[in-house]
C-alpha atoms as a PDB file:
ATOM      1  CA  MET A   1     -33.002  10.808  65.818  1.00  0.00           C
ATOM      2  CA  LEU A   2     -32.360  14.354  66.877  1.00  0.00           C
ATOM      3  CA  ASN A   3     -35.429  15.847  65.241  1.00  0.00           C
ATOM      4  CA  GLN A   4     -38.664  13.859  64.951  1.00  0.00           C
ATOM      5  CA  LYS A   5     -39.596  15.496  61.636  1.00  0.00           C
ATOM      6  CA  ALA A   6     -36.157  15.064  60.055  1.00  0.00           C
ATOM      7  CA  MET A   7     -35.562  12.581  57.261  1.00  0.00           C
ATOM      8  CA  GLU A   8     -32.988   9.991  58.364  1.00  0.00           C
ATOM      9  CA  ILE A   9     -30.684   8.456  55.776  1.00  0.00           C
ATOM     10  CA  GLU A  10     -27.843   5.972  56.135  1.00  0.00           C
ATOM     11  CA  TYR A  11     -24.228   7.023  55.748  1.00  0.00           C
ATOM     12  CA  GLU A  12     -23.650   5.079  52.517  1.00  0.00           C
ATOM     13  CA  GLU A  13     -26.653   6.759  50.870  1.00  0.00           C
ATOM     14  CA  TRP A  14     -25.451  10.181  52.038  1.00  0.00           C
ATOM     15  CA  VAL A  15     -22.011   9.552  50.514  1.00  0.00           C
ATOM     16  CA  ARG A  16     -23.644   8.555  47.226  1.00  0.00           C
ATOM     17  CA  LEU A  17     -26.077  11.493  47.156  1.00  0.00           C
ATOM     18  CA  TYR A  18     -23.920  14.356  48.456  1.00  0.00           C
ATOM     19  CA  GLN A  19     -20.372  13.191  47.639  1.00  0.00           C
ATOM     20  CA  PRO A  20     -18.245  14.380  50.576  1.00  0.00           C
ATOM     21  CA  LYS A  21     -14.834  15.732  49.601  1.00  0.00           C
ATOM     22  CA  GLN A  22     -11.509  14.429  50.857  1.00  0.00           C
ATOM     23  CA  ASN A  23      -9.739  16.431  53.542  1.00  0.00           C
ATOM     24  CA  LEU A  24      -6.443  17.305  51.882  1.00  0.00           C
ATOM     25  CA  ILE A  25      -5.235  19.306  54.892  1.00  0.00           C
ATOM     26  CA  GLY A  26      -5.075  16.708  57.631  1.00  0.00           C
ATOM     27  CA  LYS A  27      -3.454  13.309  57.626  1.00  0.00           C
ATOM     28  CA  HIS A  28      -5.298  10.183  58.726  1.00  0.00           C
ATOM     29  CA  THR A  29      -8.657  11.874  59.162  1.00  0.00           C
ATOM     30  CA  PRO A  30     -11.727   9.790  60.085  1.00  0.00           C
ATOM     31  CA  TYR A  31     -14.436   8.692  57.659  1.00  0.00           C
ATOM     32  CA  ASN A  32     -12.013   7.579  54.961  1.00  0.00           C
ATOM     33  CA  GLY A  33     -10.218  10.919  55.001  1.00  0.00           C
ATOM     34  CA  MET A  34     -13.365  13.010  54.514  1.00  0.00           C
ATOM     35  CA  MET A  35     -13.865  14.579  57.964  1.00  0.00           C
ATOM     36  CA  PHE A  36     -12.476  17.990  58.883  1.00  0.00           C
ATOM     37  CA  GLU A  37     -11.434  18.629  62.475  1.00  0.00           C
ATOM     38  CA  THR A  38     -12.996  21.320  64.686  1.00  0.00           C
ATOM     39  CA  ASP A  39      -9.839  23.391  65.122  1.00  0.00           C
ATOM     40  CA  GLY A  40      -6.689  24.613  63.409  1.00  0.00           C
ATOM     41  CA  GLU A  41      -6.308  24.684  59.630  1.00  0.00           C
ATOM     42  CA  ASP A  42      -9.257  22.342  59.143  1.00  0.00           C
ATOM     43  CA  LEU A  43     -11.613  24.736  60.940  1.00  0.00           C
ATOM     44  CA  LYS A  44     -10.292  27.739  58.980  1.00  0.00           C
ATOM     45  CA  PHE A  45     -10.923  25.870  55.736  1.00  0.00           C
ATOM     46  CA  VAL A  46     -14.495  24.999  56.794  1.00  0.00           C
ATOM     47  CA  GLU A  47     -15.191  28.584  57.910  1.00  0.00           C
ATOM     48  CA  ASN A  48     -14.005  29.879  54.526  1.00  0.00           C
ATOM     49  CA  LYS A  49     -16.341  27.416  52.808  1.00  0.00           C
ATOM     50  CA  ILE A  50     -19.279  28.659  54.917  1.00  0.00           C
ATOM     51  CA  ALA A  51     -18.721  32.205  53.697  1.00  0.00           C
ATOM     52  CA  LYS A  52     -19.075  31.021  50.083  1.00  0.00           C
ATOM     53  CA  ASP A  53     -21.275  27.921  50.077  1.00  0.00           C
ATOM     54  CA  GLU A  54     -22.852  27.105  53.437  1.00  0.00           C
ATOM     55  CA  GLU A  55     -25.090  24.484  51.788  1.00  0.00           C
ATOM     56  CA  HIS A  56     -22.029  22.293  51.233  1.00  0.00           C
ATOM     57  CA  VAL A  57     -21.067  22.125  54.939  1.00  0.00           C
ATOM     58  CA  TRP A  58     -22.261  19.391  57.318  1.00  0.00           C
ATOM     59  CA  THR A  59     -21.539  18.810  61.020  1.00  0.00           C
ATOM     60  CA  LEU A  60     -20.965  15.524  62.825  1.00  0.00           C
ATOM     61  CA  VAL A  61     -22.676  15.918  66.218  1.00  0.00           C
ATOM     62  CA  ASP A  62     -22.547  13.828  69.387  1.00  0.00           C
ATOM     63  CA  CYS A  63     -25.963  12.875  70.785  1.00  0.00           C
ATOM     64  CA  ASP A  64     -27.451  10.861  73.629  1.00  0.00           C
ATOM     65  CA  ASN A  65     -26.414   7.241  74.166  1.00  0.00           C
ATOM     66  CA  GLU A  66     -23.089   7.775  72.368  1.00  0.00           C
ATOM     67  CA  ASN A  67     -24.889   8.154  69.030  1.00  0.00           C
ATOM     68  CA  GLN A  68     -23.640  10.472  66.313  1.00  0.00           C
ATOM     69  CA  TYR A  69     -25.361  12.035  63.316  1.00  0.00           C
ATOM     70  CA  ILE A  70     -24.216  14.160  60.415  1.00  0.00           C
ATOM     71  CA  ILE A  71     -26.534  17.137  59.973  1.00  0.00           C
ATOM     72  CA  PRO A  72     -26.645  19.951  57.402  1.00  0.00           C
ATOM     73  CA  GLY A  73     -24.935  23.236  58.212  1.00  0.00           C
ATOM     74  CA  PHE A  74     -22.224  24.554  60.473  1.00  0.00           C
ATOM     75  CA  HIS A  75     -22.955  23.877  64.151  1.00  0.00           C
ATOM     76  CA  LEU A  76     -20.902  24.510  67.272  1.00  0.00           C
ATOM     77  CA  VAL A  77     -22.824  22.616  69.964  1.00  0.00           C
ATOM     78  CA  ASN A  78     -21.745  18.961  70.398  1.00  0.00           C
ATOM     79  CA  ARG A  79     -19.696  19.086  67.211  1.00  0.00           C
ATOM     80  CA  ALA A  80     -17.236  16.278  66.558  1.00  0.00           C
ATOM     81  CA  GLY A  81     -16.202  17.210  63.026  1.00  0.00           C
ATOM     82  CA  TYR A  82     -17.232  18.720  59.711  1.00  0.00           C
ATOM     83  CA  PHE A  83     -17.738  17.558  56.143  1.00  0.00           C
ATOM     84  CA  ILE A  84     -17.807  19.448  52.867  1.00  0.00           C
ATOM     85  CA  THR A  85     -19.812  17.939  50.040  1.00  0.00           C
ATOM     86  CA  LYS A  86     -19.740  18.407  46.286  1.00  0.00           C
ATOM     87  CA  LYS A  87     -23.533  18.534  46.154  1.00  0.00           C
ATOM     88  CA  PRO A  88     -25.378  21.041  48.351  1.00  0.00           C
ATOM     89  CA  TRP A  89     -28.081  20.186  50.850  1.00  0.00           C
ATOM     90  CA  ARG A  90     -31.462  21.751  50.116  1.00  0.00           C
ATOM     91  CA  ASP A  91     -33.327  20.699  53.247  1.00  0.00           C
ATOM     92  CA  ALA A  92     -32.008  21.345  56.761  1.00  0.00           C
ATOM     93  CA  ASP A  93     -34.173  18.502  58.125  1.00  0.00           C
ATOM     94  CA  ILE A  94     -31.833  15.636  57.202  1.00  0.00           C
ATOM     95  CA  GLU A  95     -29.989  13.393  59.638  1.00  0.00           C
ATOM     96  CA  VAL A  96     -27.317  10.979  58.508  1.00  0.00           C
ATOM     97  CA  ASN A  97     -27.181   7.944  60.771  1.00  0.00           C
ATOM     98  CA  VAL A  98     -23.536   6.968  61.282  1.00  0.00           C
ATOM     99  CA  ASN A  99     -24.177   4.670  64.226  1.00  0.00           C
ATOM    100  CA  GLU A 100     -22.939   1.135  63.988  1.00  0.00           C
ATOM    101  CA  LYS A 101     -25.667  -1.458  63.852  1.00  0.00           C
ATOM    102  CA  ILE A 102     -25.436  -5.068  64.915  1.00  0.00           C
ATOM    103  CA  THR A 103     -27.807  -7.945  64.300  1.00  0.00           C
ATOM    104  CA  ILE A 104     -29.210 -10.014  67.164  1.00  0.00           C
ATOM    105  CA  GLY A 105     -27.249 -13.006  65.900  1.00  0.00           C
ATOM    106  CA  ASN A 106     -24.003 -11.064  65.859  1.00  0.00           C
ATOM    107  CA  ALA A 107     -24.773  -9.668  69.321  1.00  0.00           C
ATOM    108  CA  LYS A 108     -25.201 -13.200  70.690  1.00  0.00           C
ATOM    109  CA  TYR A 109     -21.891 -14.363  69.281  1.00  0.00           C
ATOM    110  CA  ALA A 110     -20.108 -11.190  70.426  1.00  0.00           C
ATOM    111  CA  CYS A 111     -21.453 -11.801  73.932  1.00  0.00           C
ATOM    112  CA  ILE A 112     -20.247 -15.408  73.900  1.00  0.00           C
ATOM    113  CA  GLU A 113     -16.834 -14.351  72.548  1.00  0.00           C
ATOM    114  CA  PHE A 114     -16.542 -11.735  75.309  1.00  0.00           C
ATOM    115  CA  LEU A 115     -17.372 -14.256  78.003  1.00  0.00           C
ATOM    116  CA  GLU A 116     -14.793 -16.707  76.640  1.00  0.00           C
ATOM    117  CA  ASP A 117     -11.966 -14.349  75.688  1.00  0.00           C
ATOM    118  CA  VAL A 118     -12.225 -11.639  78.327  1.00  0.00           C
ATOM    119  CA  LEU A 119     -13.709 -13.428  81.294  1.00  0.00           C
ATOM    120  CA  GLY A 120     -12.170 -16.811  80.527  1.00  0.00           C
ATOM    121  CA  LEU A 121     -15.433 -18.736  80.959  1.00  0.00           C
ATOM    122  CA  ASP A 122     -16.191 -22.048  79.263  1.00  0.00           C
ATOM    123  CA  SER A 123     -18.827 -21.493  76.573  1.00  0.00           C
ATOM    124  CA  GLU A 124     -20.504 -24.841  77.242  1.00  0.00           C
ATOM    125  CA  GLU A 125     -21.691 -23.505  80.593  1.00  0.00           C
ATOM    126  CA  PHE A 126     -23.485 -20.435  79.283  1.00  0.00           C
ATOM    127  CA  GLU A 127     -23.996 -20.652  75.513  1.00  0.00           C
ATOM    128  CA  ASP A 128     -27.574 -21.977  75.759  1.00  0.00           C
ATOM    129  CA  LYS A 129     -28.425 -19.313  78.336  1.00  0.00           C
ATOM    130  CA  VAL A 130     -27.119 -16.538  76.075  1.00  0.00           C
ATOM    131  CA  HIS A 131     -29.169 -17.848  73.130  1.00  0.00           C
ATOM    132  CA  ASP A 132     -32.277 -18.136  75.330  1.00  0.00           C
ATOM    133  CA  PHE A 133     -31.785 -14.608  76.670  1.00  0.00           C
ATOM    134  CA  PHE A 134     -31.536 -13.021  73.231  1.00  0.00           C
ATOM    135  CA  SER A 135     -34.445 -15.018  71.804  1.00  0.00           C
ATOM    136  CA  LYS A 136     -36.765 -13.907  74.630  1.00  0.00           C
ATOM    137  CA  LYS A 137     -35.702 -10.258  74.916  1.00  0.00           C
ATOM    138  CA  PHE A 138     -35.731  -9.285  71.284  1.00  0.00           C
END
């Protein structure tokens, strides 16, 4: 989290609650076509929206450890993109967690797949060790 007192919600809940609009300016934009870029026509569109309805603008920001969050308002520092929502935000202390999560089980199997496919190792040699490592560490 960026702010210890902020309320953190998941991306799917944010989409349901605030209803981000499609970016009709750019082609192939991230987040299912809903993110606005930080330059060019996209930025001009977002800046025009701020002048009218700042409570509908959100910023995707880069944080520590390669994490990203969507936060209310128009921000310049560490910005990666913008969103415009149909429903306004009322509280500036919201953080939308857009970071990919993985279960321990999926992490184990991803590790084993990496060792086999990328490093070319035989899974019989290390599979038990990988399972033991994940069961003890987490």
